[in-house]
Amino acid sequence: MGRVAQSGVTIEAHQVIRRPLVTEKGTELSEKLNAYSFEVNPLATKSDVRAAVEKLFGVRVDSVRIQNRVGKPRRHKFFSGKTRSWKKAIVKLHADDRIAFF
């Protein structure tokens, strides 16, 4: 059963984690600090992210850091717009646990 977020919406574990962020910086974080980055649902809290990662990947979470990433203005020829805003979570795991994305 999912957890009720602050907005009153029930969020299941597979709805909290949208996708892993596999970047050069994220790969270095995972190798050196055992920390993994995810794009998460904007309604999710730190406790939601912790519970979702522990349930989906079967690991122990030490800490969760959350960033709200604000969309940037972009322009292409005559059209101006903005990229979407999104939420990022950096999850640090217990020293014995690992997540293999590949």
PDB file of N, CA and C in Angstrom:
ATOM      1  N   MET A   1       0.841  -1.181   0.000  1.00  0.00           N
ATOM      2  CA  MET A   1       0.000   0.000   0.000  1.00  0.00           C
ATOM      3  C   MET A   1       0.879   1.234   0.000  1.00  0.00           C
ATOM      4  N   GLY A   2       0.484   2.258  -0.718  1.00  0.00           N
ATOM      5  CA  GLY A   2       1.267   3.478  -0.850  1.00  0.00           C
ATOM      6  C   GLY A   2       1.088   4.417   0.313  1.00  0.00           C
ATOM      7  N   ARG A   3       1.844   5.454   0.313  1.00  0.00           N
ATOM      8  CA  ARG A   3       1.809   6.464   1.351  1.00  0.00           C
ATOM      9  C   ARG A   3       1.072   7.683   0.828  1.00  0.00           C
ATOM     10  N   VAL A   4       0.334   8.369   1.699  1.00  0.00           N
ATOM     11  CA  VAL A   4      -0.400   9.554   1.295  1.00  0.00           C
ATOM     12  C   VAL A   4       0.545  10.754   1.389  1.00  0.00           C
ATOM     13  N   ALA A   5       0.737  11.455   0.279  1.00  0.00           N
ATOM     14  CA  ALA A   5       1.622  12.617   0.235  1.00  0.00           C
ATOM     15  C   ALA A   5       0.916  13.816   0.869  1.00  0.00           C
ATOM     16  N   GLN A   6       1.638  14.922   1.007  1.00  0.00           N
ATOM     17  CA  GLN A   6       1.090  16.130   1.618  1.00  0.00           C
ATOM     18  C   GLN A   6      -0.129  16.633   0.863  1.00  0.00           C
ATOM     19  N   SER A   7      -0.198  16.410  -0.425  1.00  0.00           N
ATOM     20  CA  SER A   7      -1.309  16.898  -1.225  1.00  0.00           C
ATOM     21  C   SER A   7      -2.543  16.009  -1.092  1.00  0.00           C
ATOM     22  N   GLY A   8      -2.441  14.896  -0.354  1.00  0.00           N
ATOM     23  CA  GLY A   8      -3.562  14.002  -0.177  1.00  0.00           C
ATOM     24  C   GLY A   8      -3.636  12.894  -1.213  1.00  0.00           C
ATOM     25  N   VAL A   9      -2.628  12.790  -2.083  1.00  0.00           N
ATOM     26  CA  VAL A   9      -2.591  11.781  -3.136  1.00  0.00           C
ATOM     27  C   VAL A   9      -1.775  10.588  -2.651  1.00  0.00           C
ATOM     28  N   THR A  10      -2.253   9.379  -2.923  1.00  0.00           N
ATOM     29  CA  THR A  10      -1.515   8.177  -2.556  1.00  0.00           C
ATOM     30  C   THR A  10      -0.460   7.903  -3.621  1.00  0.00           C
ATOM     31  N   ILE A  11       0.801   7.736  -3.186  1.00  0.00           N
ATOM     32  CA  ILE A  11       1.907   7.501  -4.110  1.00  0.00           C
ATOM     33  C   ILE A  11       2.481   6.116  -3.843  1.00  0.00           C
ATOM     34  N   GLU A  12       2.474   5.265  -4.860  1.00  0.00           N
ATOM     35  CA  GLU A  12       3.071   3.933  -4.763  1.00  0.00           C
ATOM     36  C   GLU A  12       4.581   4.042  -4.985  1.00  0.00           C
ATOM     37  N   ALA A  13       5.322   3.009  -4.592  1.00  0.00           N
ATOM     38  CA  ALA A  13       6.785   3.029  -4.697  1.00  0.00           C
ATOM     39  C   ALA A  13       7.244   3.211  -6.142  1.00  0.00           C
ATOM     40  N   HIS A  14       6.589   2.532  -7.095  1.00  0.00           N
ATOM     41  CA  HIS A  14       7.010   2.646  -8.484  1.00  0.00           C
ATOM     42  C   HIS A  14       6.617   3.983  -9.102  1.00  0.00           C
ATOM     43  N   GLN A  15       5.752   4.764  -8.440  1.00  0.00           N
ATOM     44  CA  GLN A  15       5.398   6.100  -8.911  1.00  0.00           C
ATOM     45  C   GLN A  15       6.320   7.165  -8.345  1.00  0.00           C
ATOM     46  N   VAL A  16       6.982   6.881  -7.238  1.00  0.00           N
ATOM     47  CA  VAL A  16       7.889   7.844  -6.608  1.00  0.00           C
ATOM     48  C   VAL A  16       9.146   7.988  -7.451  1.00  0.00           C
ATOM     49  N   ILE A  17       9.784   6.875  -7.795  1.00  0.00           N
ATOM     50  CA  ILE A  17      11.007   6.888  -8.594  1.00  0.00           C
ATOM     51  C   ILE A  17      10.619   6.894 -10.062  1.00  0.00           C
ATOM     52  N   ARG A  18      10.918   7.987 -10.770  1.00  0.00           N
ATOM     53  CA  ARG A  18      10.588   8.047 -12.194  1.00  0.00           C
ATOM     54  C   ARG A  18      11.654   7.375 -13.045  1.00  0.00           C
ATOM     55  N   ARG A  19      12.933   7.713 -12.786  1.00  0.00           N
ATOM     56  CA  ARG A  19      14.012   7.101 -13.555  1.00  0.00           C
ATOM     57  C   ARG A  19      15.331   7.382 -12.856  1.00  0.00           C
ATOM     58  N   PRO A  20      16.308   6.491 -13.011  1.00  0.00           N
ATOM     59  CA  PRO A  20      17.642   6.782 -12.487  1.00  0.00           C
ATOM     60  C   PRO A  20      18.344   7.783 -13.403  1.00  0.00           C
ATOM     61  N   LEU A  21      19.173   8.631 -12.832  1.00  0.00           N
ATOM     62  CA  LEU A  21      19.936   9.596 -13.614  1.00  0.00           C
ATOM     63  C   LEU A  21      21.341   9.043 -13.797  1.00  0.00           C
ATOM     64  N   VAL A  22      21.594   8.482 -14.961  1.00  0.00           N
ATOM     65  CA  VAL A  22      22.901   7.904 -15.258  1.00  0.00           C
ATOM     66  C   VAL A  22      23.693   8.939 -16.037  1.00  0.00           C
ATOM     67  N   THR A  23      24.495   9.702 -15.310  1.00  0.00           N
ATOM     68  CA  THR A  23      25.348  10.725 -15.903  1.00  0.00           C
ATOM     69  C   THR A  23      26.780  10.477 -15.459  1.00  0.00           C
ATOM     70  N   GLU A  24      27.685  11.237 -16.032  1.00  0.00           N
ATOM     71  CA  GLU A  24      29.093  11.094 -15.660  1.00  0.00           C
ATOM     72  C   GLU A  24      29.294  11.432 -14.181  1.00  0.00           C
ATOM     73  N   LYS A  25      28.670  12.509 -13.740  1.00  0.00           N
ATOM     74  CA  LYS A  25      28.792  12.924 -12.344  1.00  0.00           C
ATOM     75  C   LYS A  25      28.119  11.898 -11.416  1.00  0.00           C
ATOM     76  N   GLY A  26      26.962  11.392 -11.834  1.00  0.00           N
ATOM     77  CA  GLY A  26      26.251  10.404 -11.029  1.00  0.00           C
ATOM     78  C   GLY A  26      27.007   9.095 -10.915  1.00  0.00           C
ATOM     79  N   THR A  27      27.664   8.682 -11.983  1.00  0.00           N
ATOM     80  CA  THR A  27      28.459   7.464 -11.959  1.00  0.00           C
ATOM     81  C   THR A  27      29.640   7.607 -11.000  1.00  0.00           C
ATOM     82  N   GLU A  28      30.253   8.770 -11.011  1.00  0.00           N
ATOM     83  CA  GLU A  28      31.370   9.021 -10.095  1.00  0.00           C
ATOM     84  C   GLU A  28      30.887   9.011  -8.647  1.00  0.00           C
ATOM     85  N   LEU A  29      29.707   9.597  -8.385  1.00  0.00           N
ATOM     86  CA  LEU A  29      29.133   9.574  -7.035  1.00  0.00           C
ATOM     87  C   LEU A  29      28.873   8.145  -6.575  1.00  0.00           C
ATOM     88  N   SER A  30      28.357   7.316  -7.484  1.00  0.00           N
ATOM     89  CA  SER A  30      28.039   5.945  -7.094  1.00  0.00           C
ATOM     90  C   SER A  30      29.295   5.137  -6.810  1.00  0.00           C
ATOM     91  N   GLU A  31      30.369   5.380  -7.552  1.00  0.00           N
ATOM     92  CA  GLU A  31      31.606   4.633  -7.339  1.00  0.00           C
ATOM     93  C   GLU A  31      32.330   5.076  -6.076  1.00  0.00           C
ATOM     94  N   LYS A  32      32.398   6.378  -5.838  1.00  0.00           N
ATOM     95  CA  LYS A  32      33.194   6.894  -4.716  1.00  0.00           C
ATOM     96  C   LYS A  32      32.417   6.970  -3.404  1.00  0.00           C
ATOM     97  N   LEU A  33      31.152   7.431  -3.473  1.00  0.00           N
ATOM     98  CA  LEU A  33      30.395   7.683  -2.243  1.00  0.00           C
ATOM     99  C   LEU A  33      29.212   6.744  -2.033  1.00  0.00           C
ATOM    100  N   ASN A  34      28.996   5.816  -2.966  1.00  0.00           N
ATOM    101  CA  ASN A  34      27.865   4.894  -2.902  1.00  0.00           C
ATOM    102  C   ASN A  34      26.544   5.664  -2.834  1.00  0.00           C
ATOM    103  N   ALA A  35      26.443   6.732  -3.654  1.00  0.00           N
ATOM    104  CA  ALA A  35      25.238   7.560  -3.719  1.00  0.00           C
ATOM    105  C   ALA A  35      24.693   7.509  -5.144  1.00  0.00           C
ATOM    106  N   TYR A  36      23.374   7.397  -5.266  1.00  0.00           N
ATOM    107  CA  TYR A  36      22.729   7.259  -6.568  1.00  0.00           C
ATOM    108  C   TYR A  36      21.708   8.365  -6.758  1.00  0.00           C
ATOM    109  N   SER A  37      21.586   8.857  -8.003  1.00  0.00           N
ATOM    110  CA  SER A  37      20.671   9.953  -8.313  1.00  0.00           C
ATOM    111  C   SER A  37      19.449   9.423  -9.057  1.00  0.00           C
ATOM    112  N   PHE A  38      18.284   9.981  -8.715  1.00  0.00           N
ATOM    113  CA  PHE A  38      17.029   9.595  -9.347  1.00  0.00           C
ATOM    114  C   PHE A  38      16.204  10.836  -9.634  1.00  0.00           C
ATOM    115  N   GLU A  39      15.432  10.778 -10.725  1.00  0.00           N
ATOM    116  CA  GLU A  39      14.378  11.766 -10.919  1.00  0.00           C
ATOM    117  C   GLU A  39      13.165  11.209 -10.192  1.00  0.00           C
ATOM    118  N   VAL A  40      12.548  12.031  -9.336  1.00  0.00           N
ATOM    119  CA  VAL A  40      11.433  11.554  -8.524  1.00  0.00           C
ATOM    120  C   VAL A  40      10.181  12.392  -8.776  1.00  0.00           C
ATOM    121  N   ASN A  41       9.065  11.883  -8.329  1.00  0.00           N
ATOM    122  CA  ASN A  41       7.787  12.572  -8.434  1.00  0.00           C
ATOM    123  C   ASN A  41       7.853  13.882  -7.646  1.00  0.00           C
ATOM    124  N   PRO A  42       7.370  14.988  -8.199  1.00  0.00           N
ATOM    125  CA  PRO A  42       7.426  16.273  -7.485  1.00  0.00           C
ATOM    126  C   PRO A  42       6.658  16.282  -6.163  1.00  0.00           C
ATOM    127  N   LEU A  43       5.712  15.367  -5.968  1.00  0.00           N
ATOM    128  CA  LEU A  43       4.955  15.303  -4.721  1.00  0.00           C
ATOM    129  C   LEU A  43       5.665  14.477  -3.651  1.00  0.00           C
ATOM    130  N   ALA A  44       6.722  13.769  -4.014  1.00  0.00           N
ATOM    131  CA  ALA A  44       7.401  12.845  -3.092  1.00  0.00           C
ATOM    132  C   ALA A  44       8.244  13.602  -2.068  1.00  0.00           C
ATOM    133  N   THR A  45       8.284  13.062  -0.850  1.00  0.00           N
ATOM    134  CA  THR A  45       9.112  13.606   0.214  1.00  0.00           C
ATOM    135  C   THR A  45      10.334  12.709   0.413  1.00  0.00           C
ATOM    136  N   LYS A  46      11.223  13.106   1.309  1.00  0.00           N
ATOM    137  CA  LYS A  46      12.411  12.297   1.579  1.00  0.00           C
ATOM    138  C   LYS A  46      12.030  10.903   2.080  1.00  0.00           C
ATOM    139  N   SER A  47      11.054  10.841   2.958  1.00  0.00           N
ATOM    140  CA  SER A  47      10.647   9.530   3.489  1.00  0.00           C
ATOM    141  C   SER A  47      10.008   8.664   2.400  1.00  0.00           C
ATOM    142  N   ASP A  48       9.293   9.288   1.458  1.00  0.00           N
ATOM    143  CA  ASP A  48       8.735   8.534   0.325  1.00  0.00           C
ATOM    144  C   ASP A  48       9.853   7.935  -0.517  1.00  0.00           C
ATOM    145  N   VAL A  49      10.874   8.732  -0.804  1.00  0.00           N
ATOM    146  CA  VAL A  49      11.995   8.276  -1.632  1.00  0.00           C
ATOM    147  C   VAL A  49      12.750   7.154  -0.923  1.00  0.00           C
ATOM    148  N   ARG A  50      12.994   7.313   0.368  1.00  0.00           N
ATOM    149  CA  ARG A  50      13.693   6.287   1.147  1.00  0.00           C
ATOM    150  C   ARG A  50      12.932   4.954   1.081  1.00  0.00           C
ATOM    151  N   ALA A  51      11.635   4.996   1.331  1.00  0.00           N
ATOM    152  CA  ALA A  51      10.830   3.776   1.334  1.00  0.00           C
ATOM    153  C   ALA A  51      10.781   3.142  -0.060  1.00  0.00           C
ATOM    154  N   ALA A  52      10.671   3.961  -1.102  1.00  0.00           N
ATOM    155  CA  ALA A  52      10.584   3.440  -2.469  1.00  0.00           C
ATOM    156  C   ALA A  52      11.884   2.756  -2.887  1.00  0.00           C
ATOM    157  N   VAL A  53      13.032   3.363  -2.599  1.00  0.00           N
ATOM    158  CA  VAL A  53      14.322   2.773  -2.979  1.00  0.00           C
ATOM    159  C   VAL A  53      14.549   1.468  -2.215  1.00  0.00           C
ATOM    160  N   GLU A  54      14.233   1.461  -0.924  1.00  0.00           N
ATOM    161  CA  GLU A  54      14.410   0.245  -0.138  1.00  0.00           C
ATOM    162  C   GLU A  54      13.516  -0.879  -0.655  1.00  0.00           C
ATOM    163  N   LYS A  55      12.283  -0.544  -1.064  1.00  0.00           N
ATOM    164  CA  LYS A  55      11.357  -1.572  -1.548  1.00  0.00           C
ATOM    165  C   LYS A  55      11.719  -2.051  -2.948  1.00  0.00           C
ATOM    166  N   LEU A  56      12.004  -1.129  -3.871  1.00  0.00           N
ATOM    167  CA  LEU A  56      12.237  -1.505  -5.268  1.00  0.00           C
ATOM    168  C   LEU A  56      13.577  -2.192  -5.489  1.00  0.00           C
ATOM    169  N   PHE A  57      14.627  -1.749  -4.786  1.00  0.00           N
ATOM    170  CA  PHE A  57      15.964  -2.281  -5.038  1.00  0.00           C
ATOM    171  C   PHE A  57      16.467  -3.211  -3.945  1.00  0.00           C
ATOM    172  N   GLY A  58      15.749  -3.320  -2.818  1.00  0.00           N
ATOM    173  CA  GLY A  58      16.154  -4.222  -1.743  1.00  0.00           C
ATOM    174  C   GLY A  58      17.462  -3.829  -1.090  1.00  0.00           C
ATOM    175  N   VAL A  59      17.669  -2.525  -0.840  1.00  0.00           N
ATOM    176  CA  VAL A  59      18.890  -2.020  -0.224  1.00  0.00           C
ATOM    177  C   VAL A  59      18.537  -1.210   1.027  1.00  0.00           C
ATOM    178  N   ARG A  60      19.565  -0.882   1.816  1.00  0.00           N
ATOM    179  CA  ARG A  60      19.366  -0.041   3.001  1.00  0.00           C
ATOM    180  C   ARG A  60      19.838   1.372   2.680  1.00  0.00           C
ATOM    181  N   VAL A  61      19.016   2.356   2.983  1.00  0.00           N
ATOM    182  CA  VAL A  61      19.314   3.756   2.666  1.00  0.00           C
ATOM    183  C   VAL A  61      19.833   4.455   3.917  1.00  0.00           C
ATOM    184  N   ASP A  62      20.985   5.139   3.779  1.00  0.00           N
ATOM    185  CA  ASP A  62      21.530   5.924   4.891  1.00  0.00           C
ATOM    186  C   ASP A  62      20.946   7.329   4.919  1.00  0.00           C
ATOM    187  N   SER A  63      20.929   8.011   3.759  1.00  0.00           N
ATOM    188  CA  SER A  63      20.417   9.381   3.738  1.00  0.00           C
ATOM    189  C   SER A  63      19.837   9.702   2.370  1.00  0.00           C
ATOM    190  N   VAL A  64      18.972  10.714   2.347  1.00  0.00           N
ATOM    191  CA  VAL A  64      18.341  11.182   1.115  1.00  0.00           C
ATOM    192  C   VAL A  64      18.466  12.699   1.071  1.00  0.00           C
ATOM    193  N   ARG A  65      18.929  13.201  -0.074  1.00  0.00           N
ATOM    194  CA  ARG A  65      18.971  14.646  -0.303  1.00  0.00           C
ATOM    195  C   ARG A  65      18.088  14.950  -1.506  1.00  0.00           C
ATOM    196  N   ILE A  66      17.302  16.015  -1.413  1.00  0.00           N
ATOM    197  CA  ILE A  66      16.340  16.367  -2.452  1.00  0.00           C
ATOM    198  C   ILE A  66      16.695  17.730  -3.037  1.00  0.00           C
ATOM    199  N   GLN A  67      16.563  17.847  -4.364  1.00  0.00           N
ATOM    200  CA  GLN A  67      16.761  19.129  -5.052  1.00  0.00           C
ATOM    201  C   GLN A  67      15.562  19.393  -5.944  1.00  0.00           C
ATOM    202  N   ASN A  68      15.025  20.596  -5.887  1.00  0.00           N
ATOM    203  CA  ASN A  68      13.997  21.016  -6.832  1.00  0.00           C
ATOM    204  C   ASN A  68      14.699  21.757  -7.954  1.00  0.00           C
ATOM    205  N   ARG A  69      14.715  21.172  -9.128  1.00  0.00           N
ATOM    206  CA  ARG A  69      15.412  21.745 -10.270  1.00  0.00           C
ATOM    207  C   ARG A  69      14.440  22.622 -11.051  1.00  0.00           C
ATOM    208  N   VAL A  70      14.747  23.910 -11.174  1.00  0.00           N
ATOM    209  CA  VAL A  70      13.870  24.867 -11.843  1.00  0.00           C
ATOM    210  C   VAL A  70      14.153  24.853 -13.342  1.00  0.00           C
ATOM    211  N   GLY A  71      13.081  24.877 -14.149  1.00  0.00           N
ATOM    212  CA  GLY A  71      13.220  24.878 -15.595  1.00  0.00           C
ATOM    213  C   GLY A  71      13.908  26.142 -16.088  1.00  0.00           C
ATOM    214  N   LYS A  72      14.681  26.009 -17.153  1.00  0.00           N
ATOM    215  CA  LYS A  72      15.440  27.133 -17.703  1.00  0.00           C
ATOM    216  C   LYS A  72      14.758  27.673 -18.961  1.00  0.00           C
ATOM    217  N   PRO A  73      14.878  28.965 -19.207  1.00  0.00           N
ATOM    218  CA  PRO A  73      14.329  29.495 -20.465  1.00  0.00           C
ATOM    219  C   PRO A  73      15.180  29.043 -21.649  1.00  0.00           C
ATOM    220  N   ARG A  74      14.522  28.660 -22.722  1.00  0.00           N
ATOM    221  CA  ARG A  74      15.202  28.207 -23.929  1.00  0.00           C
ATOM    222  C   ARG A  74      14.562  28.886 -25.136  1.00  0.00           C
ATOM    223  N   ARG A  75      15.361  29.039 -26.200  1.00  0.00           N
ATOM    224  CA  ARG A  75      14.845  29.654 -27.409  1.00  0.00           C
ATOM    225  C   ARG A  75      15.343  28.893 -28.616  1.00  0.00           C
ATOM    226  N   HIS A  76      14.468  28.700 -29.579  1.00  0.00           N
ATOM    227  CA  HIS A  76      14.839  28.072 -30.847  1.00  0.00           C
ATOM    228  C   HIS A  76      14.245  28.909 -31.962  1.00  0.00           C
ATOM    229  N   LYS A  77      15.092  29.561 -32.712  1.00  0.00           N
ATOM    230  CA  LYS A  77      14.679  30.474 -33.783  1.00  0.00           C
ATOM    231  C   LYS A  77      13.726  31.536 -33.221  1.00  0.00           C
ATOM    232  N   PHE A  78      12.451  31.513 -33.644  1.00  0.00           N
ATOM    233  CA  PHE A  78      11.513  32.536 -33.201  1.00  0.00           C
ATOM    234  C   PHE A  78      10.698  32.127 -31.978  1.00  0.00           C
ATOM    235  N   PHE A  79      10.837  30.885 -31.570  1.00  0.00           N
ATOM    236  CA  PHE A  79      10.013  30.370 -30.489  1.00  0.00           C
ATOM    237  C   PHE A  79      10.779  30.412 -29.177  1.00  0.00           C
ATOM    238  N   SER A  80      10.153  30.927 -28.160  1.00  0.00           N
ATOM    239  CA  SER A  80      10.769  30.902 -26.834  1.00  0.00           C
ATOM    240  C   SER A  80       9.903  30.040 -25.927  1.00  0.00           C
ATOM    241  N   GLY A  81      10.537  29.375 -25.016  1.00  0.00           N
ATOM    242  CA  GLY A  81       9.825  28.485 -24.118  1.00  0.00           C
ATOM    243  C   GLY A  81      10.649  28.248 -22.871  1.00  0.00           C
ATOM    244  N   LYS A  82      10.315  27.199 -22.177  1.00  0.00           N
ATOM    245  CA  LYS A  82      10.988  26.898 -20.923  1.00  0.00           C
ATOM    246  C   LYS A  82      11.016  25.382 -20.741  1.00  0.00           C
ATOM    247  N   THR A  83      12.133  24.850 -20.250  1.00  0.00           N
ATOM    248  CA  THR A  83      12.188  23.427 -19.940  1.00  0.00           C
ATOM    249  C   THR A  83      11.379  23.188 -18.666  1.00  0.00           C
ATOM    250  N   ARG A  84      10.966  21.978 -18.456  1.00  0.00           N
ATOM    251  CA  ARG A  84      10.107  21.700 -17.304  1.00  0.00           C
ATOM    252  C   ARG A  84      10.908  21.672 -16.000  1.00  0.00           C
ATOM    253  N   SER A  85      10.254  21.989 -14.917  1.00  0.00           N
ATOM    254  CA  SER A  85      10.858  21.868 -13.597  1.00  0.00           C
ATOM    255  C   SER A  85      10.704  20.422 -13.142  1.00  0.00           C
ATOM    256  N   TRP A  86      11.654  19.924 -12.334  1.00  0.00           N
ATOM    257  CA  TRP A  86      11.610  18.548 -11.886  1.00  0.00           C
ATOM    258  C   TRP A  86      12.302  18.403 -10.548  1.00  0.00           C
ATOM    259  N   LYS A  87      12.135  17.264  -9.917  1.00  0.00           N
ATOM    260  CA  LYS A  87      12.711  17.009  -8.599  1.00  0.00           C
ATOM    261  C   LYS A  87      13.741  15.891  -8.698  1.00  0.00           C
ATOM    262  N   LYS A  88      14.881  16.109  -8.057  1.00  0.00           N
ATOM    263  CA  LYS A  88      15.994  15.161  -8.085  1.00  0.00           C
ATOM    264  C   LYS A  88      16.279  14.693  -6.663  1.00  0.00           C
ATOM    265  N   ALA A  89      16.557  13.406  -6.506  1.00  0.00           N
ATOM    266  CA  ALA A  89      16.918  12.852  -5.203  1.00  0.00           C
ATOM    267  C   ALA A  89      18.265  12.161  -5.312  1.00  0.00           C
ATOM    268  N   ILE A  90      19.145  12.447  -4.364  1.00  0.00           N
ATOM    269  CA  ILE A  90      20.432  11.758  -4.261  1.00  0.00           C
ATOM    270  C   ILE A  90      20.362  10.875  -3.022  1.00  0.00           C
ATOM    271  N   VAL A  91      20.455   9.564  -3.246  1.00  0.00           N
ATOM    272  CA  VAL A  91      20.255   8.580  -2.185  1.00  0.00           C
ATOM    273  C   VAL A  91      21.587   7.933  -1.861  1.00  0.00           C
ATOM    274  N   LYS A  92      22.012   8.058  -0.603  1.00  0.00           N
ATOM    275  CA  LYS A  92      23.253   7.412  -0.159  1.00  0.00           C
ATOM    276  C   LYS A  92      22.891   6.102   0.517  1.00  0.00           C
ATOM    277  N   LEU A  93      23.549   5.022   0.077  1.00  0.00           N
ATOM    278  CA  LEU A  93      23.243   3.681   0.579  1.00  0.00           C
ATOM    279  C   LEU A  93      24.214   3.251   1.670  1.00  0.00           C
ATOM    280  N   HIS A  94      23.818   2.213   2.385  1.00  0.00           N
ATOM    281  CA  HIS A  94      24.678   1.578   3.373  1.00  0.00           C
ATOM    282  C   HIS A  94      25.927   1.060   2.663  1.00  0.00           C
ATOM    283  N   ALA A  95      27.046   1.013   3.359  1.00  0.00           N
ATOM    284  CA  ALA A  95      28.331   0.651   2.749  1.00  0.00           C
ATOM    285  C   ALA A  95      28.320  -0.737   2.094  1.00  0.00           C
ATOM    286  N   ASP A  96      27.498  -1.645   2.581  1.00  0.00           N
ATOM    287  CA  ASP A  96      27.472  -3.016   2.041  1.00  0.00           C
ATOM    288  C   ASP A  96      26.568  -3.165   0.819  1.00  0.00           C
ATOM    289  N   ASP A  97      25.706  -2.185   0.545  1.00  0.00           N
ATOM    290  CA  ASP A  97      24.711  -2.305  -0.516  1.00  0.00           C
ATOM    291  C   ASP A  97      25.144  -1.581  -1.780  1.00  0.00           C
ATOM    292  N   ARG A  98      24.696  -2.098  -2.931  1.00  0.00           N
ATOM    293  CA  ARG A  98      24.956  -1.505  -4.237  1.00  0.00           C
ATOM    294  C   ARG A  98      23.720  -1.664  -5.113  1.00  0.00           C
ATOM    295  N   ILE A  99      23.578  -0.770  -6.104  1.00  0.00           N
ATOM    296  CA  ILE A  99      22.526  -0.892  -7.098  1.00  0.00           C
ATOM    297  C   ILE A  99      23.212  -1.011  -8.450  1.00  0.00           C
ATOM    298  N   ALA A 100      22.843  -2.022  -9.236  1.00  0.00           N
ATOM    299  CA  ALA A 100      23.409  -2.213 -10.564  1.00  0.00           C
ATOM    300  C   ALA A 100      22.348  -1.850 -11.591  1.00  0.00           C
ATOM    301  N   PHE A 101      22.544  -0.752 -12.308  1.00  0.00           N
ATOM    302  CA  PHE A 101      21.592  -0.332 -13.319  1.00  0.00           C
ATOM    303  C   PHE A 101      21.810  -1.070 -14.626  1.00  0.00           C
ATOM    304  N   PHE A 102      23.014  -1.587 -14.860  1.00  0.00           N
ATOM    305  CA  PHE A 102      23.330  -2.261 -16.125  1.00  0.00           C
ATOM    306  C   PHE A 102      23.604  -3.713 -15.889  1.00  0.00           C
TER     307      PHE A 102
END
